[in-house]
Amino acid sequence: MSTKRNKIIYLIATGLLTALMLLSAGMYFFNHEMVAETFTNLGYPTYIIYPLAVAKILGLIAIWSRKNNILKEWAYAGFFFNMVLALGAHFAINDGEFGGALVGIVLLLVSYSTEKKL
C-alpha cells in the first residue's frame, strides 16, 4: 500500500477511535449515575470511573502527539486492555452491550498497525 493510503486509513481509524473515547469519557463525566450502574452490573468498582475518563483523554493526547513514542505505545496498550476487559465483562454478564468494545478494538488495531507503517 502507498504511504498516502496508509495515512488516510490511519487518520480515519484514529479519528473514529478518538470520537469513541471522547464519547466514553464524556459519558463518564456527564452521565455518572448511568455509568456507575453499568460498572456495578459488570462487577467493576465505581471509584475508577473518573480516573478512567482522565486516562482516556490523556491516552488520546499521547496517541496524537508525535513527541514520545514510548508514551504512545503505553496509550495504545492501555486502550487495548481497557477494551478487551470491557468486551469480556459484557460477554460474562451476557447483556449484549459489547458492540462498542468490539468496534473500539478493531479501530485500535487498525490505527496501531497503520501508524507503524507510516
PDB file of N, CA and C in Angstrom:
ATOM      1  N   MET A   1       0.833  -1.183   0.000  1.00  0.00           N
ATOM      2  CA  MET A   1       0.000   0.000   0.000  1.00  0.00           C
ATOM      3  C   MET A   1       0.877   1.245   0.000  1.00  0.00           C
ATOM      4  N   SER A   2       0.339   2.275  -0.558  1.00  0.00           N
ATOM      5  CA  SER A   2       1.096   3.515  -0.603  1.00  0.00           C
ATOM      6  C   SER A   2       1.058   4.219   0.749  1.00  0.00           C
ATOM      7  N   THR A   3       2.031   5.072   0.938  1.00  0.00           N
ATOM      8  CA  THR A   3       2.116   5.834   2.179  1.00  0.00           C
ATOM      9  C   THR A   3       0.903   6.744   2.346  1.00  0.00           C
ATOM     10  N   LYS A   4       0.449   7.336   1.233  1.00  0.00           N
ATOM     11  CA  LYS A   4      -0.710   8.227   1.302  1.00  0.00           C
ATOM     12  C   LYS A   4      -1.960   7.456   1.744  1.00  0.00           C
ATOM     13  N   ARG A   5      -2.143   6.265   1.190  1.00  0.00           N
ATOM     14  CA  ARG A   5      -3.296   5.448   1.560  1.00  0.00           C
ATOM     15  C   ARG A   5      -3.226   5.045   3.037  1.00  0.00           C
ATOM     16  N   ASN A   6      -2.036   4.665   3.495  1.00  0.00           N
ATOM     17  CA  ASN A   6      -1.859   4.313   4.908  1.00  0.00           C
ATOM     18  C   ASN A   6      -2.175   5.491   5.815  1.00  0.00           C
ATOM     19  N   LYS A   7      -1.758   6.675   5.408  1.00  0.00           N
ATOM     20  CA  LYS A   7      -2.009   7.857   6.225  1.00  0.00           C
ATOM     21  C   LYS A   7      -3.509   8.140   6.313  1.00  0.00           C
ATOM     22  N   ILE A   8      -4.224   7.976   5.203  1.00  0.00           N
ATOM     23  CA  ILE A   8      -5.673   8.204   5.203  1.00  0.00           C
ATOM     24  C   ILE A   8      -6.356   7.186   6.110  1.00  0.00           C
ATOM     25  N   ILE A   9      -5.967   5.923   5.993  1.00  0.00           N
ATOM     26  CA  ILE A   9      -6.555   4.881   6.847  1.00  0.00           C
ATOM     27  C   ILE A   9      -6.249   5.166   8.308  1.00  0.00           C
ATOM     28  N   TYR A  10      -5.006   5.563   8.591  1.00  0.00           N
ATOM     29  CA  TYR A  10      -4.613   5.894   9.968  1.00  0.00           C
ATOM     30  C   TYR A  10      -5.460   7.039  10.510  1.00  0.00           C
ATOM     31  N   LEU A  11      -5.602   8.093   9.730  1.00  0.00           N
ATOM     32  CA  LEU A  11      -6.349   9.261  10.203  1.00  0.00           C
ATOM     33  C   LEU A  11      -7.826   8.933  10.429  1.00  0.00           C
ATOM     34  N   ILE A  12      -8.418   8.147   9.551  1.00  0.00           N
ATOM     35  CA  ILE A  12      -9.821   7.772   9.719  1.00  0.00           C
ATOM     36  C   ILE A  12      -9.997   6.897  10.961  1.00  0.00           C
ATOM     37  N   ALA A  13      -9.165   5.847  11.082  1.00  0.00           N
ATOM     38  CA  ALA A  13      -9.289   4.937  12.224  1.00  0.00           C
ATOM     39  C   ALA A  13      -9.002   5.652  13.542  1.00  0.00           C
ATOM     40  N   THR A  14      -7.964   6.475  13.555  1.00  0.00           N
ATOM     41  CA  THR A  14      -7.612   7.183  14.781  1.00  0.00           C
ATOM     42  C   THR A  14      -8.648   8.252  15.110  1.00  0.00           C
ATOM     43  N   GLY A  15      -9.198   8.884  14.097  1.00  0.00           N
ATOM     44  CA  GLY A  15     -10.263   9.859  14.327  1.00  0.00           C
ATOM     45  C   GLY A  15     -11.516   9.218  14.907  1.00  0.00           C
ATOM     46  N   LEU A  16     -11.901   8.069  14.363  1.00  0.00           N
ATOM     47  CA  LEU A  16     -13.071   7.361  14.898  1.00  0.00           C
ATOM     48  C   LEU A  16     -12.798   6.821  16.299  1.00  0.00           C
ATOM     49  N   LEU A  17     -11.584   6.338  16.532  1.00  0.00           N
ATOM     50  CA  LEU A  17     -11.197   5.890  17.875  1.00  0.00           C
ATOM     51  C   LEU A  17     -11.260   7.060  18.853  1.00  0.00           C
ATOM     52  N   THR A  18     -10.786   8.214  18.427  1.00  0.00           N
ATOM     53  CA  THR A  18     -10.831   9.419  19.267  1.00  0.00           C
ATOM     54  C   THR A  18     -12.266   9.790  19.602  1.00  0.00           C
ATOM     55  N   ALA A  19     -13.136   9.749  18.606  1.00  0.00           N
ATOM     56  CA  ALA A  19     -14.551  10.068  18.846  1.00  0.00           C
ATOM     57  C   ALA A  19     -15.156   9.086  19.849  1.00  0.00           C
ATOM     58  N   LEU A  20     -14.847   7.803  19.706  1.00  0.00           N
ATOM     59  CA  LEU A  20     -15.365   6.786  20.622  1.00  0.00           C
ATOM     60  C   LEU A  20     -14.869   7.016  22.046  1.00  0.00           C
ATOM     61  N   MET A  21     -13.584   7.310  22.191  1.00  0.00           N
ATOM     62  CA  MET A  21     -13.014   7.516  23.527  1.00  0.00           C
ATOM     63  C   MET A  21     -13.524   8.819  24.156  1.00  0.00           C
ATOM     64  N   LEU A  22     -13.676   9.875  23.356  1.00  0.00           N
ATOM     65  CA  LEU A  22     -14.215  11.128  23.897  1.00  0.00           C
ATOM     66  C   LEU A  22     -15.671  10.971  24.301  1.00  0.00           C
ATOM     67  N   LEU A  23     -16.436  10.218  23.514  1.00  0.00           N
ATOM     68  CA  LEU A  23     -17.820   9.935  23.877  1.00  0.00           C
ATOM     69  C   LEU A  23     -17.869   9.165  25.192  1.00  0.00           C
ATOM     70  N   SER A  24     -17.002   8.178  25.312  1.00  0.00           N
ATOM     71  CA  SER A  24     -16.941   7.381  26.532  1.00  0.00           C
ATOM     72  C   SER A  24     -16.558   8.240  27.736  1.00  0.00           C
ATOM     73  N   ALA A  25     -15.499   9.027  27.599  1.00  0.00           N
ATOM     74  CA  ALA A  25     -15.056   9.884  28.706  1.00  0.00           C
ATOM     75  C   ALA A  25     -16.135  10.913  29.052  1.00  0.00           C
ATOM     76  N   GLY A  26     -16.804  11.447  28.039  1.00  0.00           N
ATOM     77  CA  GLY A  26     -17.887  12.396  28.290  1.00  0.00           C
ATOM     78  C   GLY A  26     -19.020  11.763  29.075  1.00  0.00           C
ATOM     79  N   MET A  27     -19.348  10.525  28.724  1.00  0.00           N
ATOM     80  CA  MET A  27     -20.388   9.800  29.478  1.00  0.00           C
ATOM     81  C   MET A  27     -19.935   9.611  30.930  1.00  0.00           C
ATOM     82  N   TYR A  28     -18.671   9.296  31.126  1.00  0.00           N
ATOM     83  CA  TYR A  28     -18.168   9.073  32.478  1.00  0.00           C
ATOM     84  C   TYR A  28     -18.296  10.342  33.318  1.00  0.00           C
ATOM     85  N   PHE A  29     -18.045  11.499  32.708  1.00  0.00           N
ATOM     86  CA  PHE A  29     -18.123  12.764  33.442  1.00  0.00           C
ATOM     87  C   PHE A  29     -19.557  13.272  33.590  1.00  0.00           C
ATOM     88  N   PHE A  30     -20.339  13.204  32.520  1.00  0.00           N
ATOM     89  CA  PHE A  30     -21.617  13.897  32.494  1.00  0.00           C
ATOM     90  C   PHE A  30     -22.844  13.007  32.728  1.00  0.00           C
ATOM     91  N   ASN A  31     -22.659  11.701  32.704  1.00  0.00           N
ATOM     92  CA  ASN A  31     -23.767  10.792  32.958  1.00  0.00           C
ATOM     93  C   ASN A  31     -23.303   9.731  33.958  1.00  0.00           C
ATOM     94  N   HIS A  32     -22.732  10.217  35.050  1.00  0.00           N
ATOM     95  CA  HIS A  32     -22.052   9.368  36.028  1.00  0.00           C
ATOM     96  C   HIS A  32     -22.965   8.299  36.621  1.00  0.00           C
ATOM     97  N   GLU A  33     -24.201   8.631  36.923  1.00  0.00           N
ATOM     98  CA  GLU A  33     -25.108   7.677  37.564  1.00  0.00           C
ATOM     99  C   GLU A  33     -25.368   6.447  36.684  1.00  0.00           C
ATOM    100  N   MET A  34     -25.613   6.691  35.397  1.00  0.00           N
ATOM    101  CA  MET A  34     -25.852   5.569  34.492  1.00  0.00           C
ATOM    102  C   MET A  34     -24.586   4.716  34.338  1.00  0.00           C
ATOM    103  N   VAL A  35     -23.446   5.381  34.208  1.00  0.00           N
ATOM    104  CA  VAL A  35     -22.177   4.662  34.068  1.00  0.00           C
ATOM    105  C   VAL A  35     -21.873   3.877  35.346  1.00  0.00           C
ATOM    106  N   ALA A  36     -22.146   4.467  36.505  1.00  0.00           N
ATOM    107  CA  ALA A  36     -21.912   3.772  37.773  1.00  0.00           C
ATOM    108  C   ALA A  36     -22.776   2.517  37.870  1.00  0.00           C
ATOM    109  N   GLU A  37     -24.003   2.605  37.411  1.00  0.00           N
ATOM    110  CA  GLU A  37     -24.882   1.430  37.422  1.00  0.00           C
ATOM    111  C   GLU A  37     -24.334   0.334  36.493  1.00  0.00           C
ATOM    112  N   THR A  38     -23.861   0.740  35.321  1.00  0.00           N
ATOM    113  CA  THR A  38     -23.275  -0.228  34.384  1.00  0.00           C
ATOM    114  C   THR A  38     -22.029  -0.866  34.967  1.00  0.00           C
ATOM    115  N   PHE A  39     -21.151  -0.053  35.571  1.00  0.00           N
ATOM    116  CA  PHE A  39     -19.928  -0.588  36.175  1.00  0.00           C
ATOM    117  C   PHE A  39     -20.273  -1.579  37.283  1.00  0.00           C
ATOM    118  N   THR A  40     -21.279  -1.259  38.077  1.00  0.00           N
ATOM    119  CA  THR A  40     -21.706  -2.158  39.156  1.00  0.00           C
ATOM    120  C   THR A  40     -22.215  -3.476  38.574  1.00  0.00           C
ATOM    121  N   ASN A  41     -23.016  -3.391  37.519  1.00  0.00           N
ATOM    122  CA  ASN A  41     -23.527  -4.603  36.873  1.00  0.00           C
ATOM    123  C   ASN A  41     -22.402  -5.461  36.296  1.00  0.00           C
ATOM    124  N   LEU A  42     -21.354  -4.801  35.821  1.00  0.00           N
ATOM    125  CA  LEU A  42     -20.219  -5.524  35.243  1.00  0.00           C
ATOM    126  C   LEU A  42     -19.260  -6.060  36.306  1.00  0.00           C
ATOM    127  N   GLY A  43     -19.450  -5.623  37.537  1.00  0.00           N
ATOM    128  CA  GLY A  43     -18.589  -6.085  38.620  1.00  0.00           C
ATOM    129  C   GLY A  43     -17.364  -5.226  38.844  1.00  0.00           C
ATOM    130  N   TYR A  44     -17.335  -4.042  38.253  1.00  0.00           N
ATOM    131  CA  TYR A  44     -16.207  -3.127  38.437  1.00  0.00           C
ATOM    132  C   TYR A  44     -16.548  -2.101  39.515  1.00  0.00           C
ATOM    133  N   PRO A  45     -15.554  -1.639  40.269  1.00  0.00           N
ATOM    134  CA  PRO A  45     -15.821  -0.609  41.282  1.00  0.00           C
ATOM    135  C   PRO A  45     -16.107   0.738  40.617  1.00  0.00           C
ATOM    136  N   THR A  46     -16.982   1.503  41.225  1.00  0.00           N
ATOM    137  CA  THR A  46     -17.368   2.788  40.627  1.00  0.00           C
ATOM    138  C   THR A  46     -16.340   3.882  40.860  1.00  0.00           C
ATOM    139  N   TYR A  47     -15.422   3.681  41.801  1.00  0.00           N
ATOM    140  CA  TYR A  47     -14.439   4.735  42.061  1.00  0.00           C
ATOM    141  C   TYR A  47     -13.416   4.880  40.929  1.00  0.00           C
ATOM    142  N   ILE A  48     -13.391   3.963  39.967  1.00  0.00           N
ATOM    143  CA  ILE A  48     -12.436   4.092  38.863  1.00  0.00           C
ATOM    144  C   ILE A  48     -13.009   4.865  37.679  1.00  0.00           C
ATOM    145  N   ILE A  49     -14.256   5.301  37.759  1.00  0.00           N
ATOM    146  CA  ILE A  49     -14.893   5.955  36.615  1.00  0.00           C
ATOM    147  C   ILE A  49     -14.182   7.247  36.239  1.00  0.00           C
ATOM    148  N   TYR A  50     -13.999   8.159  37.181  1.00  0.00           N
ATOM    149  CA  TYR A  50     -13.353   9.439  36.847  1.00  0.00           C
ATOM    150  C   TYR A  50     -11.884   9.269  36.464  1.00  0.00           C
ATOM    151  N   PRO A  51     -11.099   8.482  37.206  1.00  0.00           N
ATOM    152  CA  PRO A  51      -9.708   8.280  36.760  1.00  0.00           C
ATOM    153  C   PRO A  51      -9.609   7.640  35.375  1.00  0.00           C
ATOM    154  N   LEU A  52     -10.524   6.736  35.057  1.00  0.00           N
ATOM    155  CA  LEU A  52     -10.520   6.102  33.742  1.00  0.00           C
ATOM    156  C   LEU A  52     -10.854   7.125  32.654  1.00  0.00           C
ATOM    157  N   ALA A  53     -11.765   8.025  32.921  1.00  0.00           N
ATOM    158  CA  ALA A  53     -12.107   9.080  31.955  1.00  0.00           C
ATOM    159  C   ALA A  53     -10.895   9.975  31.694  1.00  0.00           C
ATOM    160  N   VAL A  54     -10.201  10.352  32.755  1.00  0.00           N
ATOM    161  CA  VAL A  54      -8.995  11.183  32.608  1.00  0.00           C
ATOM    162  C   VAL A  54      -7.920  10.418  31.837  1.00  0.00           C
ATOM    163  N   ALA A  55      -7.752   9.132  32.139  1.00  0.00           N
ATOM    164  CA  ALA A  55      -6.762   8.308  31.444  1.00  0.00           C
ATOM    165  C   ALA A  55      -7.076   8.206  29.951  1.00  0.00           C
ATOM    166  N   LYS A  56      -8.351   8.124  29.607  1.00  0.00           N
ATOM    167  CA  LYS A  56      -8.727   8.053  28.191  1.00  0.00           C
ATOM    168  C   LYS A  56      -8.356   9.343  27.471  1.00  0.00           C
ATOM    169  N   ILE A  57      -8.600  10.464  28.097  1.00  0.00           N
ATOM    170  CA  ILE A  57      -8.256  11.745  27.482  1.00  0.00           C
ATOM    171  C   ILE A  57      -6.739  11.879  27.344  1.00  0.00           C
ATOM    172  N   LEU A  58      -6.004  11.535  28.390  1.00  0.00           N
ATOM    173  CA  LEU A  58      -4.540  11.601  28.319  1.00  0.00           C
ATOM    174  C   LEU A  58      -3.988  10.621  27.285  1.00  0.00           C
ATOM    175  N   GLY A  59      -4.613   9.452  27.169  1.00  0.00           N
ATOM    176  CA  GLY A  59      -4.196   8.484  26.158  1.00  0.00           C
ATOM    177  C   GLY A  59      -4.378   9.026  24.747  1.00  0.00           C
ATOM    178  N   LEU A  60      -5.475   9.716  24.510  1.00  0.00           N
ATOM    179  CA  LEU A  60      -5.698  10.324  23.199  1.00  0.00           C
ATOM    180  C   LEU A  60      -4.656  11.390  22.895  1.00  0.00           C
ATOM    181  N   ILE A  61      -4.319  12.171  23.893  1.00  0.00           N
ATOM    182  CA  ILE A  61      -3.279  13.186  23.706  1.00  0.00           C
ATOM    183  C   ILE A  61      -1.958  12.509  23.348  1.00  0.00           C
ATOM    184  N   ALA A  62      -1.644  11.420  24.026  1.00  0.00           N
ATOM    185  CA  ALA A  62      -0.396  10.697  23.747  1.00  0.00           C
ATOM    186  C   ALA A  62      -0.402  10.103  22.344  1.00  0.00           C
ATOM    187  N   ILE A  63      -1.523   9.574  21.896  1.00  0.00           N
ATOM    188  CA  ILE A  63      -1.591   8.971  20.565  1.00  0.00           C
ATOM    189  C   ILE A  63      -1.440  10.019  19.468  1.00  0.00           C
ATOM    190  N   TRP A  64      -2.061  11.156  19.638  1.00  0.00           N
ATOM    191  CA  TRP A  64      -1.978  12.198  18.607  1.00  0.00           C
ATOM    192  C   TRP A  64      -0.662  12.958  18.650  1.00  0.00           C
ATOM    193  N   SER A  65       0.011  12.930  19.786  1.00  0.00           N
ATOM    194  CA  SER A  65       1.291  13.629  19.916  1.00  0.00           C
ATOM    195  C   SER A  65       2.384  12.869  19.188  1.00  0.00           C
ATOM    196  N   ARG A  66       3.277  13.568  18.587  1.00  0.00           N
ATOM    197  CA  ARG A  66       4.406  12.953  17.883  1.00  0.00           C
ATOM    198  C   ARG A  66       5.698  13.060  18.695  1.00  0.00           C
ATOM    199  N   LYS A  67       5.590  13.407  19.982  1.00  0.00           N
ATOM    200  CA  LYS A  67       6.780  13.688  20.772  1.00  0.00           C
ATOM    201  C   LYS A  67       7.371  12.471  21.467  1.00  0.00           C
ATOM    202  N   ASN A  68       6.534  11.569  21.975  1.00  0.00           N
ATOM    203  CA  ASN A  68       7.053  10.484  22.797  1.00  0.00           C
ATOM    204  C   ASN A  68       6.454   9.149  22.341  1.00  0.00           C
ATOM    205  N   ASN A  69       7.247   8.372  21.619  1.00  0.00           N
ATOM    206  CA  ASN A  69       6.747   7.100  21.088  1.00  0.00           C
ATOM    207  C   ASN A  69       6.484   6.071  22.179  1.00  0.00           C
ATOM    208  N   ILE A  70       7.249   6.096  23.255  1.00  0.00           N
ATOM    209  CA  ILE A  70       7.025   5.151  24.355  1.00  0.00           C
ATOM    210  C   ILE A  70       5.675   5.430  25.014  1.00  0.00           C
ATOM    211  N   LEU A  71       5.383   6.697  25.234  1.00  0.00           N
ATOM    212  CA  LEU A  71       4.091   7.069  25.816  1.00  0.00           C
ATOM    213  C   LEU A  71       2.943   6.666  24.889  1.00  0.00           C
ATOM    214  N   LYS A  72       3.143   6.814  23.582  1.00  0.00           N
ATOM    215  CA  LYS A  72       2.132   6.421  22.605  1.00  0.00           C
ATOM    216  C   LYS A  72       1.887   4.907  22.675  1.00  0.00           C
ATOM    217  N   GLU A  73       2.951   4.128  22.788  1.00  0.00           N
ATOM    218  CA  GLU A  73       2.813   2.669  22.908  1.00  0.00           C
ATOM    219  C   GLU A  73       2.021   2.295  24.161  1.00  0.00           C
ATOM    220  N   TRP A  74       2.313   2.969  25.265  1.00  0.00           N
ATOM    221  CA  TRP A  74       1.583   2.706  26.511  1.00  0.00           C
ATOM    222  C   TRP A  74       0.111   3.082  26.366  1.00  0.00           C
ATOM    223  N   ALA A  75      -0.166   4.163  25.663  1.00  0.00           N
ATOM    224  CA  ALA A  75      -1.558   4.577  25.456  1.00  0.00           C
ATOM    225  C   ALA A  75      -2.312   3.532  24.632  1.00  0.00           C
ATOM    226  N   TYR A  76      -1.699   3.071  23.551  1.00  0.00           N
ATOM    227  CA  TYR A  76      -2.329   2.016  22.760  1.00  0.00           C
ATOM    228  C   TYR A  76      -2.563   0.766  23.611  1.00  0.00           C
ATOM    229  N   ALA A  77      -1.570   0.395  24.410  1.00  0.00           N
ATOM    230  CA  ALA A  77      -1.705  -0.795  25.270  1.00  0.00           C
ATOM    231  C   ALA A  77      -2.828  -0.600  26.290  1.00  0.00           C
ATOM    232  N   GLY A  78      -2.883   0.571  26.896  1.00  0.00           N
ATOM    233  CA  GLY A  78      -3.939   0.858  27.871  1.00  0.00           C
ATOM    234  C   GLY A  78      -5.326   0.781  27.262  1.00  0.00           C
ATOM    235  N   PHE A  79      -5.487   1.361  26.070  1.00  0.00           N
ATOM    236  CA  PHE A  79      -6.771   1.287  25.384  1.00  0.00           C
ATOM    237  C   PHE A  79      -7.114  -0.162  25.034  1.00  0.00           C
ATOM    238  N   PHE A  80      -6.105  -0.930  24.600  1.00  0.00           N
ATOM    239  CA  PHE A  80      -6.352  -2.320  24.246  1.00  0.00           C
ATOM    240  C   PHE A  80      -6.850  -3.107  25.457  1.00  0.00           C
ATOM    241  N   PHE A  81      -6.149  -2.982  26.584  1.00  0.00           N
ATOM    242  CA  PHE A  81      -6.564  -3.716  27.777  1.00  0.00           C
ATOM    243  C   PHE A  81      -7.933  -3.251  28.265  1.00  0.00           C
ATOM    244  N   ASN A  82      -8.182  -1.958  28.208  1.00  0.00           N
ATOM    245  CA  ASN A  82      -9.487  -1.426  28.609  1.00  0.00           C
ATOM    246  C   ASN A  82     -10.609  -2.032  27.781  1.00  0.00           C
ATOM    247  N   MET A  83     -10.411  -2.079  26.485  1.00  0.00           N
ATOM    248  CA  MET A  83     -11.469  -2.582  25.611  1.00  0.00           C
ATOM    249  C   MET A  83     -11.621  -4.102  25.681  1.00  0.00           C
ATOM    250  N   VAL A  84     -10.516  -4.817  25.828  1.00  0.00           N
ATOM    251  CA  VAL A  84     -10.606  -6.273  25.962  1.00  0.00           C
ATOM    252  C   VAL A  84     -11.325  -6.632  27.264  1.00  0.00           C
ATOM    253  N   LEU A  85     -11.006  -5.929  28.345  1.00  0.00           N
ATOM    254  CA  LEU A  85     -11.685  -6.183  29.613  1.00  0.00           C
ATOM    255  C   LEU A  85     -13.160  -5.809  29.537  1.00  0.00           C
ATOM    256  N   ALA A  86     -13.480  -4.728  28.848  1.00  0.00           N
ATOM    257  CA  ALA A  86     -14.884  -4.344  28.679  1.00  0.00           C
ATOM    258  C   ALA A  86     -15.623  -5.398  27.857  1.00  0.00           C
ATOM    259  N   LEU A  87     -15.002  -5.861  26.785  1.00  0.00           N
ATOM    260  CA  LEU A  87     -15.610  -6.902  25.954  1.00  0.00           C
ATOM    261  C   LEU A  87     -15.858  -8.164  26.774  1.00  0.00           C
ATOM    262  N   GLY A  88     -14.867  -8.581  27.523  1.00  0.00           N
ATOM    263  CA  GLY A  88     -15.008  -9.775  28.360  1.00  0.00           C
ATOM    264  C   GLY A  88     -16.076  -9.617  29.425  1.00  0.00           C
ATOM    265  N   ALA A  89     -16.142  -8.445  30.033  1.00  0.00           N
ATOM    266  CA  ALA A  89     -17.140  -8.208  31.082  1.00  0.00           C
ATOM    267  C   ALA A  89     -18.553  -8.252  30.504  1.00  0.00           C
ATOM    268  N   HIS A  90     -18.745  -7.642  29.342  1.00  0.00           N
ATOM    269  CA  HIS A  90     -20.074  -7.662  28.727  1.00  0.00           C
ATOM    270  C   HIS A  90     -20.468  -9.072  28.300  1.00  0.00           C
ATOM    271  N   PHE A  91     -19.511  -9.837  27.796  1.00  0.00           N
ATOM    272  CA  PHE A  91     -19.800 -11.232  27.456  1.00  0.00           C
ATOM    273  C   PHE A  91     -20.116 -12.048  28.709  1.00  0.00           C
ATOM    274  N   ALA A  92     -19.396 -11.769  29.796  1.00  0.00           N
ATOM    275  CA  ALA A  92     -19.581 -12.544  31.033  1.00  0.00           C
ATOM    276  C   ALA A  92     -20.981 -12.386  31.605  1.00  0.00           C
ATOM    277  N   ILE A  93     -21.540 -11.180  31.536  1.00  0.00           N
ATOM    278  CA  ILE A  93     -22.888 -10.997  32.077  1.00  0.00           C
ATOM    279  C   ILE A  93     -23.958 -11.117  30.991  1.00  0.00           C
ATOM    280  N   ASN A  94     -23.528 -11.292  29.744  1.00  0.00           N
ATOM    281  CA  ASN A  94     -24.432 -11.541  28.629  1.00  0.00           C
ATOM    282  C   ASN A  94     -25.507 -10.456  28.499  1.00  0.00           C
ATOM    283  N   ASP A  95     -25.047  -9.187  28.504  1.00  0.00           N
ATOM    284  CA  ASP A  95     -26.005  -8.083  28.395  1.00  0.00           C
ATOM    285  C   ASP A  95     -26.155  -7.553  26.970  1.00  0.00           C
ATOM    286  N   GLY A  96     -25.362  -8.083  26.037  1.00  0.00           N
ATOM    287  CA  GLY A  96     -25.478  -7.670  24.637  1.00  0.00           C
ATOM    288  C   GLY A  96     -24.920  -6.302  24.333  1.00  0.00           C
ATOM    289  N   GLU A  97     -24.206  -5.703  25.260  1.00  0.00           N
ATOM    290  CA  GLU A  97     -23.674  -4.350  25.093  1.00  0.00           C
ATOM    291  C   GLU A  97     -22.186  -4.353  24.742  1.00  0.00           C
ATOM    292  N   PHE A  98     -21.748  -5.354  24.024  1.00  0.00           N
ATOM    293  CA  PHE A  98     -20.323  -5.492  23.720  1.00  0.00           C
ATOM    294  C   PHE A  98     -19.912  -4.803  22.422  1.00  0.00           C
ATOM    295  N   GLY A  99     -20.844  -4.256  21.683  1.00  0.00           N
ATOM    296  CA  GLY A  99     -20.565  -3.671  20.374  1.00  0.00           C
ATOM    297  C   GLY A  99     -19.546  -2.553  20.397  1.00  0.00           C
ATOM    298  N   GLY A 100     -19.666  -1.655  21.360  1.00  0.00           N
ATOM    299  CA  GLY A 100     -18.723  -0.539  21.445  1.00  0.00           C
ATOM    300  C   GLY A 100     -17.301  -1.004  21.676  1.00  0.00           C
ATOM    301  N   ALA A 101     -17.137  -1.985  22.547  1.00  0.00           N
ATOM    302  CA  ALA A 101     -15.800  -2.513  22.825  1.00  0.00           C
ATOM    303  C   ALA A 101     -15.233  -3.220  21.601  1.00  0.00           C
ATOM    304  N   LEU A 102     -16.060  -3.950  20.894  1.00  0.00           N
ATOM    305  CA  LEU A 102     -15.613  -4.664  19.702  1.00  0.00           C
ATOM    306  C   LEU A 102     -15.194  -3.689  18.605  1.00  0.00           C
ATOM    307  N   VAL A 103     -15.996  -2.665  18.379  1.00  0.00           N
ATOM    308  CA  VAL A 103     -15.651  -1.628  17.402  1.00  0.00           C
ATOM    309  C   VAL A 103     -14.368  -0.926  17.825  1.00  0.00           C
ATOM    310  N   GLY A 104     -14.252  -0.634  19.113  1.00  0.00           N
ATOM    311  CA  GLY A 104     -13.051   0.022  19.624  1.00  0.00           C
ATOM    312  C   GLY A 104     -11.794  -0.797  19.397  1.00  0.00           C
ATOM    313  N   ILE A 105     -11.879  -2.100  19.613  1.00  0.00           N
ATOM    314  CA  ILE A 105     -10.718  -2.971  19.397  1.00  0.00           C
ATOM    315  C   ILE A 105     -10.307  -2.953  17.925  1.00  0.00           C
ATOM    316  N   VAL A 106     -11.285  -3.043  17.028  1.00  0.00           N
ATOM    317  CA  VAL A 106     -10.974  -3.020  15.598  1.00  0.00           C
ATOM    318  C   VAL A 106     -10.330  -1.691  15.211  1.00  0.00           C
ATOM    319  N   LEU A 107     -10.921  -0.576  15.640  1.00  0.00           N
ATOM    320  CA  LEU A 107     -10.349   0.737  15.323  1.00  0.00           C
ATOM    321  C   LEU A 107      -8.945   0.882  15.903  1.00  0.00           C
ATOM    322  N   LEU A 108      -8.759   0.400  17.113  1.00  0.00           N
ATOM    323  CA  LEU A 108      -7.454   0.485  17.757  1.00  0.00           C
ATOM    324  C   LEU A 108      -6.412  -0.316  16.986  1.00  0.00           C
ATOM    325  N   LEU A 109      -6.748  -1.527  16.585  1.00  0.00           N
ATOM    326  CA  LEU A 109      -5.805  -2.362  15.846  1.00  0.00           C
ATOM    327  C   LEU A 109      -5.466  -1.761  14.479  1.00  0.00           C
ATOM    328  N   VAL A 110      -6.465  -1.210  13.803  1.00  0.00           N
ATOM    329  CA  VAL A 110      -6.214  -0.569  12.508  1.00  0.00           C
ATOM    330  C   VAL A 110      -5.348   0.672  12.697  1.00  0.00           C
ATOM    331  N   SER A 111      -5.670   1.490  13.688  1.00  0.00           N
ATOM    332  CA  SER A 111      -4.881   2.692  13.962  1.00  0.00           C
ATOM    333  C   SER A 111      -3.433   2.331  14.284  1.00  0.00           C
ATOM    334  N   TYR A 112      -3.254   1.369  15.163  1.00  0.00           N
ATOM    335  CA  TYR A 112      -1.909   0.975  15.580  1.00  0.00           C
ATOM    336  C   TYR A 112      -1.100   0.399  14.416  1.00  0.00           C
ATOM    337  N   SER A 113      -1.713  -0.500  13.661  1.00  0.00           N
ATOM    338  CA  SER A 113      -0.958  -1.152  12.580  1.00  0.00           C
ATOM    339  C   SER A 113      -0.613  -0.181  11.459  1.00  0.00           C
ATOM    340  N   THR A 114      -1.528   0.725  11.108  1.00  0.00           N
ATOM    341  CA  THR A 114      -1.208   1.685  10.060  1.00  0.00           C
ATOM    342  C   THR A 114      -0.233   2.755  10.543  1.00  0.00           C
ATOM    343  N   GLU A 115      -0.272   3.084  11.826  1.00  0.00           N
ATOM    344  CA  GLU A 115       0.689   4.039  12.371  1.00  0.00           C
ATOM    345  C   GLU A 115       2.103   3.478  12.285  1.00  0.00           C
ATOM    346  N   LYS A 116       2.239   2.187  12.478  1.00  0.00           N
ATOM    347  CA  LYS A 116       3.548   1.533  12.396  1.00  0.00           C
ATOM    348  C   LYS A 116       4.086   1.540  10.967  1.00  0.00           C
ATOM    349  N   LYS A 117       3.202   1.576   9.963  1.00  0.00           N
ATOM    350  CA  LYS A 117       3.627   1.565   8.570  1.00  0.00           C
ATOM    351  C   LYS A 117       4.030   2.942   8.072  1.00  0.00           C
ATOM    352  N   LEU A 118       3.664   3.983   8.807  1.00  0.00           N
ATOM    353  CA  LEU A 118       3.982   5.355   8.360  1.00  0.00           C
ATOM    354  C   LEU A 118       5.427   5.720   8.643  1.00  0.00           C
TER     355      LEU A 118
END
